[in-house]
């Protein structure tokens, strides 16, 4: 432990001792008791800050939790309580993701109860990102399922505040996880989400050019699900919704993929992927989905073993 960490730890422990003494201090009057609790909460917060400065994140998180509980349970000060739980989560995030989630969830609960919807939405998204990146399981649910549920909550909360861009980002993550990380994949749900996101884009002059990309994603989900008829019907629908789709790079790519899929034309499929990637670089999600689709037509497989499949 560095000299600075030792110094901050000593300072924090002194604050903790002082805070505990304030909590144990006897008083005959309720106003005096409340004041003691307020001073204890403030002193515990000083301790938490000292731990944090010293890089002692676990201790800092534990102490911020105490601060949050005092403000919430003893003082009904929900603003300071939510701030403390948020700080606890930030400290825990650096070494204990599961504890970070629990702390953040307490903050989200307070934010929603007190109509601080934007803060609740942002923190729900933060929780979703932790679940997505960490192997955390709860109540028999995988980290992917938990991430999807948290992104759903975030999208709903952002929607309440009419934050369309943030809501769309969360919905896009749900579709991505459903199709690329969930076991087994839920291509139908992912396709419906991409379909909806594309339609939303068409209602905005600023975003309408993004619709083609979402419509392409939806078609890819149909193909990954082995439904070339559904993919063909989707393309027809998108051409009627967006008259530019059929002649766009995305539309032509989708048409070539559907045609190759229906004709079991592996070479044509690979050529279409190569030509599209040459101009518009395929992203990792698209590449993964296309590999699965190619696998299903390459040798009659189901796409479960695609580690050796090349799109070119």
Protein backbone atom coordinates (compact mmCIF):
# COMPACT_ATOMS: atom_id res chain seq x y z
CA UNK A 1 0.00 0.00 0.00
CA UNK A 2 1.39 3.41 -0.97
CA UNK A 3 2.06 6.14 1.56
CA UNK A 4 -0.85 8.15 0.20
CA UNK A 5 -3.22 5.17 0.52
CA UNK A 6 -2.09 4.58 4.11
CA UNK A 7 -2.62 8.23 4.98
CA UNK A 8 -6.09 8.28 3.43
CA UNK A 9 -7.00 5.02 5.13
CA UNK A 10 -6.01 6.45 8.51
CA UNK A 11 -8.01 9.59 7.85
CA UNK A 12 -11.04 7.54 6.73
CA UNK A 13 -10.92 5.26 9.78
CA UNK A 14 -10.87 8.30 12.07
CA UNK A 15 -13.95 9.67 10.32
CA UNK A 16 -15.70 6.30 10.61
CA UNK A 17 -15.00 6.19 14.36
CA UNK A 18 -16.35 9.72 14.75
CA UNK A 19 -19.48 8.89 12.72
CA UNK A 20 -20.20 5.77 14.76
CA UNK A 21 -19.79 7.78 17.95
CA UNK A 22 -22.38 10.28 16.69
CA UNK A 23 -24.83 7.47 15.94
CA UNK A 24 -24.39 6.02 19.43
CA UNK A 25 -24.71 9.38 21.12
CA UNK A 26 -27.76 9.47 23.37
CA UNK A 27 -30.24 12.31 23.14
CA UNK A 28 -33.60 12.98 24.77
CA UNK A 29 -34.98 15.06 21.93
CA UNK A 30 -35.94 13.82 18.46
CA UNK A 31 -34.49 16.93 16.83
CA UNK A 32 -31.14 16.25 18.47
CA UNK A 33 -31.24 12.60 17.38
CA UNK A 34 -31.92 13.64 13.80
CA UNK A 35 -29.08 16.13 13.91
CA UNK A 36 -26.74 13.42 15.16
CA UNK A 37 -27.75 11.18 12.27
CA UNK A 38 -27.23 14.02 9.79
CA UNK A 39 -23.77 14.70 11.18
CA UNK A 40 -22.98 10.96 11.14
CA UNK A 41 -24.02 10.69 7.50
CA UNK A 42 -21.87 13.69 6.58
CA UNK A 43 -18.91 12.23 8.48
CA UNK A 44 -19.31 8.79 6.91
CA UNK A 45 -19.30 10.57 3.55
CA UNK A 46 -16.00 12.23 4.45
CA UNK A 47 -14.67 8.76 5.28
CA UNK A 48 -15.90 7.37 1.97
CA UNK A 49 -14.25 10.23 0.09
CA UNK A 50 -10.97 9.56 1.89
CA UNK A 51 -11.10 5.87 1.05
CA UNK A 52 -11.84 6.76 -2.58
CA UNK A 53 -8.90 9.17 -2.81
CA UNK A 54 -6.68 6.45 -1.36
CA UNK A 55 -7.78 4.02 -4.06
CA UNK A 56 -9.53 1.78 -1.52
CA UNK A 57 -12.60 1.27 -3.65
CA UNK A 58 -14.19 -1.61 -1.73
CA UNK A 59 -14.00 0.30 1.55
CA UNK A 60 -15.24 3.46 -0.17
CA UNK A 61 -18.20 1.59 -1.66
CA UNK A 62 -19.09 0.01 1.69
CA UNK A 63 -19.01 3.40 3.39
CA UNK A 64 -21.04 5.17 0.70
CA UNK A 65 -23.64 2.43 1.19
CA UNK A 66 -23.88 3.34 4.87
CA UNK A 67 -24.32 6.97 3.90
CA UNK A 68 -27.11 6.08 1.48
CA UNK A 69 -28.90 3.92 4.03
CA UNK A 70 -28.78 6.65 6.68
CA UNK A 71 -30.12 9.29 4.32
CA UNK A 72 -32.84 6.97 2.99
CA UNK A 73 -33.92 5.08 6.11
CA UNK A 74 -33.31 7.57 8.91
CA UNK A 75 -33.60 11.00 7.31
CA UNK A 76 -35.88 10.45 4.27
CA UNK A 77 -33.41 12.52 2.27
CA UNK A 78 -33.79 10.70 -1.01
CA UNK A 79 -31.67 13.10 -3.05
CA UNK A 80 -28.54 12.58 -0.95
CA UNK A 81 -29.36 8.87 -0.59
CA UNK A 82 -29.48 8.31 -4.35
CA UNK A 83 -26.23 10.26 -4.77
CA UNK A 84 -24.54 8.07 -2.15
CA UNK A 85 -25.77 4.81 -3.71
CA UNK A 86 -24.58 6.07 -7.09
CA UNK A 87 -21.14 6.83 -5.63
CA UNK A 88 -21.05 3.38 -4.04
CA UNK A 89 -21.76 1.75 -7.38
CA UNK A 90 -19.03 3.75 -9.09
CA UNK A 91 -16.49 2.57 -6.49
CA UNK A 92 -17.64 -1.06 -6.58
CA UNK A 93 -17.57 -1.08 -10.38
CA UNK A 94 -13.77 -1.04 -10.30
CA UNK A 95 -13.50 -4.35 -8.46
CA UNK A 96 -16.88 -5.87 -7.65
CA UNK A 97 -19.35 -5.51 -10.54
CA UNK A 98 -22.12 -7.49 -8.82
CA UNK A 99 -22.05 -5.15 -5.80
CA UNK A 100 -21.98 -2.17 -8.18
CA UNK A 101 -25.20 -3.40 -9.77
CA UNK A 102 -26.92 -3.73 -6.38
CA UNK A 103 -25.88 -0.23 -5.35
CA UNK A 104 -26.94 1.26 -8.68
CA UNK A 105 -30.30 -0.52 -8.47
CA UNK A 106 -30.98 1.15 -5.14
CA UNK A 107 -30.21 4.51 -6.72
CA UNK A 108 -32.49 3.74 -9.69
CA UNK A 109 -35.33 2.87 -7.33
CA UNK A 110 -34.98 6.21 -5.56
CA UNK A 111 -34.65 8.12 -8.83
CA UNK A 112 -37.85 6.60 -10.24
CA UNK A 113 -39.78 7.06 -6.98
CA UNK A 114 -38.88 10.74 -7.05
CA UNK A 115 -39.56 11.30 -10.78
CA UNK A 116 -35.91 11.76 -11.70
CA UNK A 117 -36.47 9.69 -14.81
CA UNK A 118 -33.46 10.76 -16.88
CA UNK A 119 -31.04 9.85 -14.07
CA UNK A 120 -32.82 6.52 -13.60
CA UNK A 121 -32.59 5.81 -17.33
CA UNK A 122 -28.87 6.59 -17.53
CA UNK A 123 -28.12 4.41 -14.53
CA UNK A 124 -30.27 1.56 -15.89
CA UNK A 125 -28.19 1.71 -19.05
CA UNK A 126 -25.03 1.63 -16.91
CA UNK A 127 -26.34 -1.50 -15.17
CA UNK A 128 -27.09 -3.09 -18.55
CA UNK A 129 -23.53 -2.43 -19.72
CA UNK A 130 -22.11 -4.05 -16.58
CA UNK A 131 -24.27 -7.15 -17.11
CA UNK A 132 -23.28 -7.24 -20.78
CA UNK A 133 -19.56 -7.16 -20.05
CA UNK A 134 -19.37 -9.20 -16.84
CA UNK A 135 -20.26 -12.84 -16.16
CA UNK A 136 -22.90 -12.05 -13.54
CA UNK A 137 -25.80 -14.43 -13.00
CA UNK A 138 -28.83 -13.78 -10.80
CA UNK A 139 -31.93 -15.84 -10.04
CA UNK A 140 -30.90 -18.42 -12.62
CA UNK A 141 -30.68 -15.80 -15.39
CA UNK A 142 -27.60 -15.41 -17.57
CA UNK A 143 -25.77 -12.11 -17.80
CA UNK A 144 -27.13 -11.69 -21.34
CA UNK A 145 -30.75 -12.00 -20.20
CA UNK A 146 -30.09 -9.59 -17.34
CA UNK A 147 -28.47 -7.11 -19.73
CA UNK A 148 -31.46 -7.31 -22.06
CA UNK A 149 -33.87 -6.68 -19.18
CA UNK A 150 -31.86 -3.67 -18.01
CA UNK A 151 -31.66 -2.21 -21.52
CA UNK A 152 -35.45 -2.68 -21.75
CA UNK A 153 -35.90 -0.69 -18.55
CA UNK A 154 -33.53 2.01 -19.78
CA UNK A 155 -35.32 2.25 -23.14
CA UNK A 156 -38.69 2.57 -21.41
CA UNK A 157 -37.41 5.28 -19.07
CA UNK A 158 -35.72 7.22 -21.88
CA UNK A 159 -39.00 6.96 -23.79
CA UNK A 160 -40.86 8.60 -20.90
CA UNK A 161 -38.55 11.60 -21.24
CA UNK A 162 -38.93 11.61 -25.03
CA UNK A 163 -35.21 10.94 -25.38
CA UNK A 164 -35.62 9.10 -28.68
CA UNK A 165 -31.95 8.80 -29.53
CA UNK A 166 -31.03 7.18 -26.22
CA UNK A 167 -34.08 4.93 -26.32
CA UNK A 168 -33.13 3.78 -29.83
CA UNK A 169 -29.57 3.03 -28.72
CA UNK A 170 -30.90 0.79 -25.95
CA UNK A 171 -33.32 -0.96 -28.31
CA UNK A 172 -30.46 -1.52 -30.75
CA UNK A 173 -28.45 -3.17 -27.98
CA UNK A 174 -31.41 -5.44 -27.16
CA UNK A 175 -31.63 -6.52 -30.80
CA UNK A 176 -27.88 -7.09 -30.96
CA UNK A 177 -27.86 -9.21 -27.81
CA UNK A 178 -30.96 -11.18 -28.83
CA UNK A 179 -29.42 -12.11 -32.16
CA UNK A 180 -25.72 -12.46 -31.37
CA UNK A 181 -25.32 -13.28 -27.66
CA UNK A 182 -28.50 -14.95 -26.46
CA UNK A 183 -28.49 -18.75 -26.43
CA UNK A 184 -30.50 -19.73 -28.36
CA UNK A 185 -30.73 -16.54 -30.44
CA UNK A 186 -34.07 -14.78 -30.80
CA UNK A 187 -33.80 -13.61 -34.40
CA UNK A 188 -37.52 -12.86 -34.67
CA UNK A 189 -37.45 -10.38 -31.82
CA UNK A 190 -34.25 -8.78 -33.09
CA UNK A 191 -35.73 -8.46 -36.57
CA UNK A 192 -38.86 -6.79 -35.21
CA UNK A 193 -36.79 -4.30 -33.23
CA UNK A 194 -34.67 -3.38 -36.26
CA UNK A 195 -37.88 -3.07 -38.29
CA UNK A 196 -39.33 -0.68 -35.71
CA UNK A 197 -36.10 1.36 -35.47
CA UNK A 198 -36.07 1.75 -39.24
CA UNK A 199 -39.66 2.97 -39.26
CA UNK A 200 -38.85 5.46 -36.52
CA UNK A 201 -36.02 6.86 -38.60
CA UNK A 202 -38.34 7.45 -41.55
CA UNK A 203 -40.43 9.80 -39.42
CA UNK A 204 -37.45 12.15 -38.98
CA UNK A 205 -35.78 14.14 -41.74
CA UNK A 206 -32.51 14.00 -39.81
CA UNK A 207 -32.57 10.23 -39.32
CA UNK A 208 -34.36 8.90 -42.39
CA UNK A 209 -31.11 7.95 -44.10
CA UNK A 210 -30.38 5.56 -41.21
CA UNK A 211 -33.53 3.56 -41.96
CA UNK A 212 -31.84 1.54 -44.70
CA UNK A 213 -29.26 0.17 -42.30
CA UNK A 214 -31.90 -0.97 -39.83
CA UNK A 215 -33.98 -2.53 -42.61
CA UNK A 216 -30.91 -4.45 -43.79
CA UNK A 217 -30.36 -5.70 -40.23
CA UNK A 218 -33.96 -6.90 -40.12
CA UNK A 219 -33.54 -8.83 -43.38
CA UNK A 220 -30.34 -10.42 -42.05
CA UNK A 221 -32.21 -11.59 -38.96
CA UNK A 222 -34.85 -13.22 -41.17
CA UNK A 223 -32.15 -15.05 -43.13
CA UNK A 224 -30.34 -16.11 -39.96
CA UNK A 225 -33.65 -17.58 -38.84
CA UNK A 226 -33.77 -19.57 -42.08
CA UNK A 227 -36.82 -17.66 -43.36
CA UNK A 228 -36.04 -16.54 -46.90
CA UNK A 229 -39.74 -15.99 -47.59
CA UNK A 230 -39.98 -13.65 -44.61
CA UNK A 231 -36.83 -11.87 -45.78
CA UNK A 232 -38.28 -11.41 -49.25
CA UNK A 233 -41.56 -10.10 -47.86
CA UNK A 234 -39.66 -7.73 -45.57
CA UNK A 235 -37.72 -6.33 -48.53
CA UNK A 236 -40.92 -5.71 -50.44
CA UNK A 237 -42.37 -3.93 -47.42
CA UNK A 238 -39.29 -1.75 -46.99
CA UNK A 239 -39.33 -0.76 -50.64
CA UNK A 240 -42.89 0.50 -50.19
CA UNK A 241 -42.02 2.34 -46.97
CA UNK A 242 -38.81 3.87 -48.34
CA UNK A 243 -38.80 4.30 -52.12
CA UNK A 244 -34.99 4.69 -52.08
CA UNK A 245 -34.35 1.34 -50.37
CA UNK A 246 -34.49 -0.87 -53.47
CA UNK A 247 -31.79 1.09 -55.31
CA UNK A 248 -29.64 1.74 -52.26
CA UNK A 249 -26.45 -0.17 -51.49
CA UNK A 250 -28.21 -1.79 -48.51
CA UNK A 251 -31.25 -2.76 -50.58
CA UNK A 252 -29.21 -4.27 -53.39
CA UNK A 253 -27.08 -6.16 -50.87
CA UNK A 254 -30.16 -7.55 -49.17
CA UNK A 255 -31.63 -8.62 -52.52
CA UNK A 256 -28.39 -10.37 -53.51
CA UNK A 257 -28.27 -12.21 -50.21
CA UNK A 258 -31.86 -13.39 -50.45
CA UNK A 259 -31.35 -14.53 -54.04
CA UNK A 260 -28.17 -16.42 -53.15
CA UNK A 261 -29.84 -17.98 -50.12
CA UNK A 262 -32.80 -19.19 -52.16
CA UNK A 263 -30.52 -20.50 -54.90
CA UNK A 264 -28.08 -22.16 -52.46
CA UNK A 265 -25.44 -20.09 -54.23
CA UNK A 266 -22.49 -19.93 -51.84
CA UNK A 267 -20.23 -18.19 -54.34
CA UNK A 268 -22.84 -15.54 -55.07
CA UNK A 269 -23.37 -14.99 -51.35
CA UNK A 270 -19.63 -14.55 -50.76
CA UNK A 271 -19.31 -12.19 -53.71
CA UNK A 272 -22.18 -10.03 -52.46
CA UNK A 273 -20.55 -9.83 -49.01
CA UNK A 274 -17.16 -8.97 -50.50
CA UNK A 275 -18.54 -6.25 -52.76
CA UNK A 276 -20.55 -4.64 -49.97
CA UNK A 277 -17.64 -4.81 -47.51
CA UNK A 278 -15.33 -3.21 -50.08
CA UNK A 279 -17.39 0.00 -49.98
CA UNK A 280 -19.24 -0.15 -46.65
CA UNK A 281 -17.22 -2.05 -44.07
CA UNK A 282 -19.25 -4.80 -42.42
CA UNK A 283 -19.48 -4.35 -38.67
CA UNK A 284 -18.81 -7.26 -36.26
CA UNK A 285 -22.52 -7.97 -35.76
CA UNK A 286 -23.19 -8.12 -39.51
CA UNK A 287 -20.16 -10.33 -40.03
CA UNK A 288 -21.25 -12.78 -37.34
CA UNK A 289 -24.79 -13.01 -38.72
CA UNK A 290 -23.62 -13.38 -42.30
CA UNK A 291 -21.23 -16.16 -41.30
CA UNK A 292 -24.16 -18.03 -39.75
CA UNK A 293 -26.29 -17.52 -42.84
CA UNK A 294 -23.50 -18.67 -45.14
CA UNK A 295 -22.96 -21.71 -42.97
CA UNK A 296 -26.60 -22.67 -43.35
CA UNK A 297 -26.32 -22.73 -47.16
CA UNK A 298 -22.70 -23.80 -47.44
CA UNK A 299 -23.11 -27.42 -46.45
CA UNK A 300 -26.64 -27.71 -45.11
CA UNK A 301 -25.47 -26.97 -41.56
CA UNK A 302 -27.36 -25.04 -38.94
CA UNK A 303 -24.70 -22.40 -38.35
CA UNK A 304 -23.69 -23.79 -34.97
CA UNK A 305 -20.08 -24.39 -35.96
CA UNK A 306 -19.00 -21.38 -37.97
CA UNK A 307 -15.51 -20.79 -36.64
CA UNK A 308 -13.89 -21.79 -39.91
CA UNK A 309 -16.30 -20.07 -42.29
CA UNK A 310 -14.94 -17.25 -44.47
CA UNK A 311 -17.31 -14.79 -46.12
CA UNK A 312 -14.95 -14.08 -49.00
